[in-house]
Amino acid sequence: MRITCPHCGERGNDEFTVLGAADPVRPAPDAPLEAWVAYVHERENARGVHRELWHHQHGCRTWLVVERDTWTHAVIGVRAARETPA
């Protein structure tokens, strides 16, 4: 799989580390334990297009939001995380 970093250009995915889904909303610090358990452990793993956080670890070290189809592994879009609205 190839990812086009906005700073470094097209690179192989071996230069990146994936954190996971970019969309989960973190619970408030005083939220009940059940909310934290759901946030940490309960994720839907449906195939299709997802937004994920990737770190260009062996390049410019920028955090990226990668929109990717988890069924075909096709990369649809890449943006720097700091330039992506929440």
PDB file of N, CA and C in Angstrom:
ATOM      1  N   MET A   1       0.856  -1.174   0.000  1.00  0.00           N
ATOM      2  CA  MET A   1       0.000   0.000   0.000  1.00  0.00           C
ATOM      3  C   MET A   1       0.900   1.234   0.000  1.00  0.00           C
ATOM      4  N   ARG A   2       0.521   2.237  -0.760  1.00  0.00           N
ATOM      5  CA  ARG A   2       1.273   3.492  -0.865  1.00  0.00           C
ATOM      6  C   ARG A   2       0.442   4.609  -0.264  1.00  0.00           C
ATOM      7  N   ILE A   3       1.084   5.463   0.524  1.00  0.00           N
ATOM      8  CA  ILE A   3       0.434   6.614   1.149  1.00  0.00           C
ATOM      9  C   ILE A   3       1.172   7.861   0.689  1.00  0.00           C
ATOM     10  N   THR A   4       0.429   8.857   0.226  1.00  0.00           N
ATOM     11  CA  THR A   4       1.044  10.105  -0.222  1.00  0.00           C
ATOM     12  C   THR A   4       1.053  11.093   0.930  1.00  0.00           C
ATOM     13  N   CYS A   5       2.208  11.266   1.539  1.00  0.00           N
ATOM     14  CA  CYS A   5       2.377  12.231   2.623  1.00  0.00           C
ATOM     15  C   CYS A   5       2.341  13.629   2.026  1.00  0.00           C
ATOM     16  N   PRO A   6       1.608  14.569   2.641  1.00  0.00           N
ATOM     17  CA  PRO A   6       1.540  15.923   2.092  1.00  0.00           C
ATOM     18  C   PRO A   6       2.887  16.638   2.098  1.00  0.00           C
ATOM     19  N   HIS A   7       3.845  16.147   2.901  1.00  0.00           N
ATOM     20  CA  HIS A   7       5.151  16.801   3.007  1.00  0.00           C
ATOM     21  C   HIS A   7       6.244  16.060   2.250  1.00  0.00           C
ATOM     22  N   CYS A   8       6.168  14.717   2.214  1.00  0.00           N
ATOM     23  CA  CYS A   8       7.263  13.913   1.668  1.00  0.00           C
ATOM     24  C   CYS A   8       6.942  13.234   0.342  1.00  0.00           C
ATOM     25  N   GLY A   9       5.674  13.261  -0.062  1.00  0.00           N
ATOM     26  CA  GLY A   9       5.283  12.588  -1.290  1.00  0.00           C
ATOM     27  C   GLY A   9       4.887  11.142  -1.038  1.00  0.00           C
ATOM     28  N   GLU A  10       4.807  10.371  -2.105  1.00  0.00           N
ATOM     29  CA  GLU A  10       4.338   8.986  -2.012  1.00  0.00           C
ATOM     30  C   GLU A  10       5.399   8.103  -1.366  1.00  0.00           C
ATOM     31  N   ARG A  11       4.935   7.328  -0.369  1.00  0.00           N
ATOM     32  CA  ARG A  11       5.827   6.437   0.370  1.00  0.00           C
ATOM     33  C   ARG A  11       5.126   5.105   0.617  1.00  0.00           C
ATOM     34  N   GLY A  12       5.903   4.079   0.916  1.00  0.00           N
ATOM     35  CA  GLY A  12       5.352   2.782   1.279  1.00  0.00           C
ATOM     36  C   GLY A  12       4.806   2.818   2.696  1.00  0.00           C
ATOM     37  N   ASN A  13       3.811   1.987   2.974  1.00  0.00           N
ATOM     38  CA  ASN A  13       3.198   2.022   4.296  1.00  0.00           C
ATOM     39  C   ASN A  13       4.146   1.545   5.397  1.00  0.00           C
ATOM     40  N   ASP A  14       5.282   0.952   5.056  1.00  0.00           N
ATOM     41  CA  ASP A  14       6.240   0.532   6.078  1.00  0.00           C
ATOM     42  C   ASP A  14       6.916   1.722   6.762  1.00  0.00           C
ATOM     43  N   GLU A  15       6.785   2.934   6.216  1.00  0.00           N
ATOM     44  CA  GLU A  15       7.322   4.132   6.862  1.00  0.00           C
ATOM     45  C   GLU A  15       6.376   4.702   7.907  1.00  0.00           C
ATOM     46  N   PHE A  16       5.167   4.160   7.991  1.00  0.00           N
ATOM     47  CA  PHE A  16       4.120   4.726   8.833  1.00  0.00           C
ATOM     48  C   PHE A  16       3.723   3.758   9.940  1.00  0.00           C
ATOM     49  N   THR A  17       3.177   4.328  11.005  1.00  0.00           N
ATOM     50  CA  THR A  17       2.576   3.557  12.086  1.00  0.00           C
ATOM     51  C   THR A  17       1.125   3.996  12.195  1.00  0.00           C
ATOM     52  N   VAL A  18       0.223   3.026  12.266  1.00  0.00           N
ATOM     53  CA  VAL A  18      -1.205   3.355  12.349  1.00  0.00           C
ATOM     54  C   VAL A  18      -1.637   3.324  13.810  1.00  0.00           C
ATOM     55  N   LEU A  19      -2.372   4.355  14.218  1.00  0.00           N
ATOM     56  CA  LEU A  19      -2.886   4.419  15.582  1.00  0.00           C
ATOM     57  C   LEU A  19      -4.270   3.791  15.661  1.00  0.00           C
ATOM     58  N   GLY A  20      -5.110   4.035  14.674  1.00  0.00           N
ATOM     59  CA  GLY A  20      -6.479   3.501  14.682  1.00  0.00           C
ATOM     60  C   GLY A  20      -7.444   4.529  14.140  1.00  0.00           C
ATOM     61  N   ALA A  21      -8.704   4.336  14.456  1.00  0.00           N
ATOM     62  CA  ALA A  21      -9.766   5.202  13.945  1.00  0.00           C
ATOM     63  C   ALA A  21      -9.564   6.646  14.395  1.00  0.00           C
ATOM     64  N   ALA A  22      -9.825   7.579  13.485  1.00  0.00           N
ATOM     65  CA  ALA A  22      -9.652   9.005  13.781  1.00  0.00           C
ATOM     66  C   ALA A  22     -10.925   9.651  14.304  1.00  0.00           C
ATOM     67  N   ASP A  23     -12.027   8.922  14.327  1.00  0.00           N
ATOM     68  CA  ASP A  23     -13.307   9.523  14.650  1.00  0.00           C
ATOM     69  C   ASP A  23     -13.822   9.352  16.073  1.00  0.00           C
ATOM     70  N   PRO A  24     -13.333   8.417  16.879  1.00  0.00           N
ATOM     71  CA  PRO A  24     -13.909   8.260  18.219  1.00  0.00           C
ATOM     72  C   PRO A  24     -13.790   9.539  19.046  1.00  0.00           C
ATOM     73  N   VAL A  25     -14.829   9.809  19.811  1.00  0.00           N
ATOM     74  CA  VAL A  25     -14.840  10.993  20.674  1.00  0.00           C
ATOM     75  C   VAL A  25     -14.483  10.544  22.094  1.00  0.00           C
ATOM     76  N   ARG A  26     -13.439  11.145  22.636  1.00  0.00           N
ATOM     77  CA  ARG A  26     -12.967  10.790  23.970  1.00  0.00           C
ATOM     78  C   ARG A  26     -13.981  11.236  25.019  1.00  0.00           C
ATOM     79  N   PRO A  27     -14.311  10.356  25.987  1.00  0.00           N
ATOM     80  CA  PRO A  27     -15.249  10.749  27.042  1.00  0.00           C
ATOM     81  C   PRO A  27     -14.656  11.826  27.947  1.00  0.00           C
ATOM     82  N   ALA A  28     -15.522  12.516  28.662  1.00  0.00           N
ATOM     83  CA  ALA A  28     -15.069  13.510  29.640  1.00  0.00           C
ATOM     84  C   ALA A  28     -14.283  12.804  30.751  1.00  0.00           C
ATOM     85  N   PRO A  29     -13.328  13.502  31.380  1.00  0.00           N
ATOM     86  CA  PRO A  29     -12.538  12.861  32.437  1.00  0.00           C
ATOM     87  C   PRO A  29     -13.383  12.268  33.567  1.00  0.00           C
ATOM     88  N   ASP A  30     -14.533  12.852  33.852  1.00  0.00           N
ATOM     89  CA  ASP A  30     -15.372  12.344  34.934  1.00  0.00           C
ATOM     90  C   ASP A  30     -16.483  11.414  34.438  1.00  0.00           C
ATOM     91  N   ALA A  31     -16.366  10.931  33.206  1.00  0.00           N
ATOM     92  CA  ALA A  31     -17.374  10.021  32.649  1.00  0.00           C
ATOM     93  C   ALA A  31     -17.346   8.700  33.412  1.00  0.00           C
ATOM     94  N   PRO A  32     -18.462   7.983  33.429  1.00  0.00           N
ATOM     95  CA  PRO A  32     -18.494   6.696  34.127  1.00  0.00           C
ATOM     96  C   PRO A  32     -17.560   5.673  33.464  1.00  0.00           C
ATOM     97  N   LEU A  33     -17.170   4.684  34.214  1.00  0.00           N
ATOM     98  CA  LEU A  33     -16.252   3.651  33.742  1.00  0.00           C
ATOM     99  C   LEU A  33     -16.758   2.991  32.459  1.00  0.00           C
ATOM    100  N   GLU A  34     -18.061   2.770  32.347  1.00  0.00           N
ATOM    101  CA  GLU A  34     -18.622   2.129  31.160  1.00  0.00           C
ATOM    102  C   GLU A  34     -18.323   2.918  29.890  1.00  0.00           C
ATOM    103  N   ALA A  35     -18.342   4.240  29.982  1.00  0.00           N
ATOM    104  CA  ALA A  35     -18.037   5.083  28.824  1.00  0.00           C
ATOM    105  C   ALA A  35     -16.577   4.921  28.407  1.00  0.00           C
ATOM    106  N   TRP A  36     -15.681   4.823  29.359  1.00  0.00           N
ATOM    107  CA  TRP A  36     -14.263   4.630  29.053  1.00  0.00           C
ATOM    108  C   TRP A  36     -13.996   3.242  28.484  1.00  0.00           C
ATOM    109  N   VAL A  37     -14.668   2.235  29.024  1.00  0.00           N
ATOM    110  CA  VAL A  37     -14.511   0.876  28.490  1.00  0.00           C
ATOM    111  C   VAL A  37     -14.974   0.833  27.037  1.00  0.00           C
ATOM    112  N   ALA A  38     -16.103   1.437  26.751  1.00  0.00           N
ATOM    113  CA  ALA A  38     -16.611   1.479  25.378  1.00  0.00           C
ATOM    114  C   ALA A  38     -15.643   2.232  24.463  1.00  0.00           C
ATOM    115  N   TYR A  39     -15.094   3.348  24.936  1.00  0.00           N
ATOM    116  CA  TYR A  39     -14.164   4.149  24.131  1.00  0.00           C
ATOM    117  C   TYR A  39     -12.887   3.372  23.801  1.00  0.00           C
ATOM    118  N   VAL A  40     -12.373   2.643  24.764  1.00  0.00           N
ATOM    119  CA  VAL A  40     -11.101   1.939  24.575  1.00  0.00           C
ATOM    120  C   VAL A  40     -11.267   0.621  23.831  1.00  0.00           C
ATOM    121  N   HIS A  41     -12.327  -0.135  24.140  1.00  0.00           N
ATOM    122  CA  HIS A  41     -12.400  -1.512  23.666  1.00  0.00           C
ATOM    123  C   HIS A  41     -13.467  -1.805  22.621  1.00  0.00           C
ATOM    124  N   GLU A  42     -14.502  -1.015  22.531  1.00  0.00           N
ATOM    125  CA  GLU A  42     -15.613  -1.356  21.643  1.00  0.00           C
ATOM    126  C   GLU A  42     -15.581  -0.506  20.384  1.00  0.00           C
ATOM    127  N   ARG A  43     -15.059  -1.101  19.311  1.00  0.00           N
ATOM    128  CA  ARG A  43     -14.995  -0.412  18.026  1.00  0.00           C
ATOM    129  C   ARG A  43     -15.670  -1.260  16.972  1.00  0.00           C
ATOM    130  N   GLU A  44     -16.418  -0.604  16.103  1.00  0.00           N
ATOM    131  CA  GLU A  44     -17.027  -1.310  14.986  1.00  0.00           C
ATOM    132  C   GLU A  44     -15.951  -1.550  13.941  1.00  0.00           C
ATOM    133  N   ASN A  45     -15.926  -2.736  13.394  1.00  0.00           N
ATOM    134  CA  ASN A  45     -14.901  -3.086  12.417  1.00  0.00           C
ATOM    135  C   ASN A  45     -15.548  -3.417  11.071  1.00  0.00           C
ATOM    136  N   ALA A  46     -16.442  -2.555  10.647  1.00  0.00           N
ATOM    137  CA  ALA A  46     -17.136  -2.774   9.375  1.00  0.00           C
ATOM    138  C   ALA A  46     -16.205  -2.477   8.212  1.00  0.00           C
ATOM    139  N   ARG A  47     -16.335  -3.246   7.155  1.00  0.00           N
ATOM    140  CA  ARG A  47     -15.494  -2.966   5.990  1.00  0.00           C
ATOM    141  C   ARG A  47     -16.055  -1.759   5.250  1.00  0.00           C
ATOM    142  N   GLY A  48     -15.168  -1.065   4.590  1.00  0.00           N
ATOM    143  CA  GLY A  48     -15.566   0.134   3.865  1.00  0.00           C
ATOM    144  C   GLY A  48     -14.609   1.277   4.155  1.00  0.00           C
ATOM    145  N   VAL A  49     -15.047   2.482   3.906  1.00  0.00           N
ATOM    146  CA  VAL A  49     -14.206   3.668   4.039  1.00  0.00           C
ATOM    147  C   VAL A  49     -14.175   4.124   5.500  1.00  0.00           C
ATOM    148  N   HIS A  50     -12.959   4.328   6.016  1.00  0.00           N
ATOM    149  CA  HIS A  50     -12.740   4.783   7.385  1.00  0.00           C
ATOM    150  C   HIS A  50     -11.673   5.870   7.390  1.00  0.00           C
ATOM    151  N   ARG A  51     -11.733   6.733   8.405  1.00  0.00           N
ATOM    152  CA  ARG A  51     -10.674   7.719   8.646  1.00  0.00           C
ATOM    153  C   ARG A  51      -9.796   7.181   9.766  1.00  0.00           C
ATOM    154  N   GLU A  52      -8.482   7.124   9.512  1.00  0.00           N
ATOM    155  CA  GLU A  52      -7.545   6.565  10.484  1.00  0.00           C
ATOM    156  C   GLU A  52      -6.405   7.545  10.744  1.00  0.00           C
ATOM    157  N   LEU A  53      -5.850   7.478  11.953  1.00  0.00           N
ATOM    158  CA  LEU A  53      -4.670   8.275  12.297  1.00  0.00           C
ATOM    159  C   LEU A  53      -3.413   7.469  11.992  1.00  0.00           C
ATOM    160  N   TRP A  54      -2.532   8.059  11.209  1.00  0.00           N
ATOM    161  CA  TRP A  54      -1.254   7.428  10.870  1.00  0.00           C
ATOM    162  C   TRP A  54      -0.134   8.405  11.233  1.00  0.00           C
ATOM    163  N   HIS A  55       0.990   7.877  11.663  1.00  0.00           N
ATOM    164  CA  HIS A  55       2.158   8.687  12.005  1.00  0.00           C
ATOM    165  C   HIS A  55       3.268   8.355  11.015  1.00  0.00           C
ATOM    166  N   HIS A  56       3.827   9.382  10.356  1.00  0.00           N
ATOM    167  CA  HIS A  56       4.923   9.159   9.404  1.00  0.00           C
ATOM    168  C   HIS A  56       6.216   9.032  10.206  1.00  0.00           C
ATOM    169  N   GLN A  57       6.355   7.892  10.826  1.00  0.00           N
ATOM    170  CA  GLN A  57       7.421   7.632  11.784  1.00  0.00           C
ATOM    171  C   GLN A  57       8.815   7.699  11.167  1.00  0.00           C
ATOM    172  N   HIS A  58       8.985   7.159   9.981  1.00  0.00           N
ATOM    173  CA  HIS A  58      10.304   7.126   9.347  1.00  0.00           C
ATOM    174  C   HIS A  58      10.428   8.178   8.256  1.00  0.00           C
ATOM    175  N   GLY A  59       9.752   9.286   8.444  1.00  0.00           N
ATOM    176  CA  GLY A  59       9.798  10.386   7.488  1.00  0.00           C
ATOM    177  C   GLY A  59       9.757  11.698   8.241  1.00  0.00           C
ATOM    178  N   CYS A  60       8.769  12.524   7.945  1.00  0.00           N
ATOM    179  CA  CYS A  60       8.666  13.864   8.525  1.00  0.00           C
ATOM    180  C   CYS A  60       8.059  13.870   9.929  1.00  0.00           C
ATOM    181  N   ARG A  61       7.616  12.702  10.434  1.00  0.00           N
ATOM    182  CA  ARG A  61       7.059  12.528  11.781  1.00  0.00           C
ATOM    183  C   ARG A  61       5.749  13.277  11.982  1.00  0.00           C
ATOM    184  N   THR A  62       5.034  13.533  10.911  1.00  0.00           N
ATOM    185  CA  THR A  62       3.748  14.214  10.972  1.00  0.00           C
ATOM    186  C   THR A  62       2.628  13.204  11.215  1.00  0.00           C
ATOM    187  N   TRP A  63       1.632  13.623  12.018  1.00  0.00           N
ATOM    188  CA  TRP A  63       0.420  12.829  12.183  1.00  0.00           C
ATOM    189  C   TRP A  63      -0.504  13.137  11.013  1.00  0.00           C
ATOM    190  N   LEU A  64      -1.060  12.090  10.405  1.00  0.00           N
ATOM    191  CA  LEU A  64      -1.909  12.229   9.230  1.00  0.00           C
ATOM    192  C   LEU A  64      -3.269  11.579   9.472  1.00  0.00           C
ATOM    193  N   VAL A  65      -4.288  12.114   8.838  1.00  0.00           N
ATOM    194  CA  VAL A  65      -5.594  11.452   8.788  1.00  0.00           C
ATOM    195  C   VAL A  65      -5.691  10.848   7.393  1.00  0.00           C
ATOM    196  N   VAL A  66      -5.738   9.517   7.351  1.00  0.00           N
ATOM    197  CA  VAL A  66      -5.793   8.788   6.092  1.00  0.00           C
ATOM    198  C   VAL A  66      -7.203   8.224   5.934  1.00  0.00           C
ATOM    199  N   GLU A  67      -7.842   8.579   4.842  1.00  0.00           N
ATOM    200  CA  GLU A  67      -9.152   8.010   4.521  1.00  0.00           C
ATOM    201  C   GLU A  67      -8.884   6.813   3.626  1.00  0.00           C
ATOM    202  N   ARG A  68      -9.285   5.629   4.119  1.00  0.00           N
ATOM    203  CA  ARG A  68      -8.897   4.389   3.454  1.00  0.00           C
ATOM    204  C   ARG A  68     -10.055   3.408   3.453  1.00  0.00           C
ATOM    205  N   ASP A  69     -10.158   2.660   2.352  1.00  0.00           N
ATOM    206  CA  ASP A  69     -11.140   1.588   2.265  1.00  0.00           C
ATOM    207  C   ASP A  69     -10.510   0.341   2.876  1.00  0.00           C
ATOM    208  N   THR A  70     -11.062  -0.144   3.978  1.00  0.00           N
ATOM    209  CA  THR A  70     -10.466  -1.282   4.677  1.00  0.00           C
ATOM    210  C   THR A  70     -10.686  -2.603   3.952  1.00  0.00           C
ATOM    211  N   TRP A  71     -11.551  -2.612   2.969  1.00  0.00           N
ATOM    212  CA  TRP A  71     -11.781  -3.844   2.215  1.00  0.00           C
ATOM    213  C   TRP A  71     -10.774  -3.973   1.079  1.00  0.00           C
ATOM    214  N   THR A  72     -10.520  -2.888   0.357  1.00  0.00           N
ATOM    215  CA  THR A  72      -9.603  -2.933  -0.788  1.00  0.00           C
ATOM    216  C   THR A  72      -8.235  -2.352  -0.467  1.00  0.00           C
ATOM    217  N   HIS A  73      -8.089  -1.691   0.676  1.00  0.00           N
ATOM    218  CA  HIS A  73      -6.871  -0.991   1.101  1.00  0.00           C
ATOM    219  C   HIS A  73      -6.542   0.211   0.212  1.00  0.00           C
ATOM    220  N   ALA A  74      -7.487   0.657  -0.582  1.00  0.00           N
ATOM    221  CA  ALA A  74      -7.274   1.831  -1.429  1.00  0.00           C
ATOM    222  C   ALA A  74      -7.268   3.080  -0.556  1.00  0.00           C
ATOM    223  N   VAL A  75      -6.264   3.914  -0.735  1.00  0.00           N
ATOM    224  CA  VAL A  75      -6.177   5.181  -0.013  1.00  0.00           C
ATOM    225  C   VAL A  75      -6.932   6.226  -0.815  1.00  0.00           C
ATOM    226  N   ILE A  76      -7.922   6.845  -0.186  1.00  0.00           N
ATOM    227  CA  ILE A  76      -8.789   7.801  -0.862  1.00  0.00           C
ATOM    228  C   ILE A  76      -8.280   9.225  -0.680  1.00  0.00           C
ATOM    229  N   GLY A  77      -7.738   9.521   0.502  1.00  0.00           N
ATOM    230  CA  GLY A  77      -7.229  10.860   0.763  1.00  0.00           C
ATOM    231  C   GLY A  77      -6.329  10.887   1.983  1.00  0.00           C
ATOM    232  N   VAL A  78      -5.422  11.864   2.018  1.00  0.00           N
ATOM    233  CA  VAL A  78      -4.493  12.029   3.137  1.00  0.00           C
ATOM    234  C   VAL A  78      -4.383  13.513   3.452  1.00  0.00           C
ATOM    235  N   ARG A  79      -4.513  13.860   4.737  1.00  0.00           N
ATOM    236  CA  ARG A  79      -4.347  15.250   5.184  1.00  0.00           C
ATOM    237  C   ARG A  79      -3.566  15.243   6.481  1.00  0.00           C
ATOM    238  N   ALA A  80      -2.845  16.313   6.724  1.00  0.00           N
ATOM    239  CA  ALA A  80      -2.180  16.462   8.022  1.00  0.00           C
ATOM    240  C   ALA A  80      -3.265  16.558   9.102  1.00  0.00           C
ATOM    241  N   ALA A  81      -3.068  15.883  10.216  1.00  0.00           N
ATOM    242  CA  ALA A  81      -4.081  15.852  11.271  1.00  0.00           C
ATOM    243  C   ALA A  81      -4.366  17.242  11.812  1.00  0.00           C
ATOM    244  N   ARG A  82      -3.360  18.083  11.910  1.00  0.00           N
ATOM    245  CA  ARG A  82      -3.585  19.441  12.462  1.00  0.00           C
ATOM    246  C   ARG A  82      -4.394  20.324  11.517  1.00  0.00           C
ATOM    247  N   GLU A  83      -4.511  19.940  10.253  1.00  0.00           N
ATOM    248  CA  GLU A  83      -5.291  20.701   9.275  1.00  0.00           C
ATOM    249  C   GLU A  83      -6.667  20.083   9.026  1.00  0.00           C
ATOM    250  N   THR A  84      -6.999  19.028   9.771  1.00  0.00           N
ATOM    251  CA  THR A  84      -8.261  18.325   9.588  1.00  0.00           C
ATOM    252  C   THR A  84      -9.238  18.726  10.676  1.00  0.00           C
ATOM    253  N   PRO A  85     -10.423  19.181  10.318  1.00  0.00           N
ATOM    254  CA  PRO A  85     -11.400  19.526  11.349  1.00  0.00           C
ATOM    255  C   PRO A  85     -11.780  18.304  12.174  1.00  0.00           C
ATOM    256  N   ALA A  86     -12.083  18.518  13.425  1.00  0.00           N
ATOM    257  CA  ALA A  86     -12.434  17.405  14.326  1.00  0.00           C
ATOM    258  C   ALA A  86     -13.717  16.741  13.915  1.00  0.00           C
TER     259      ALA A  86
END
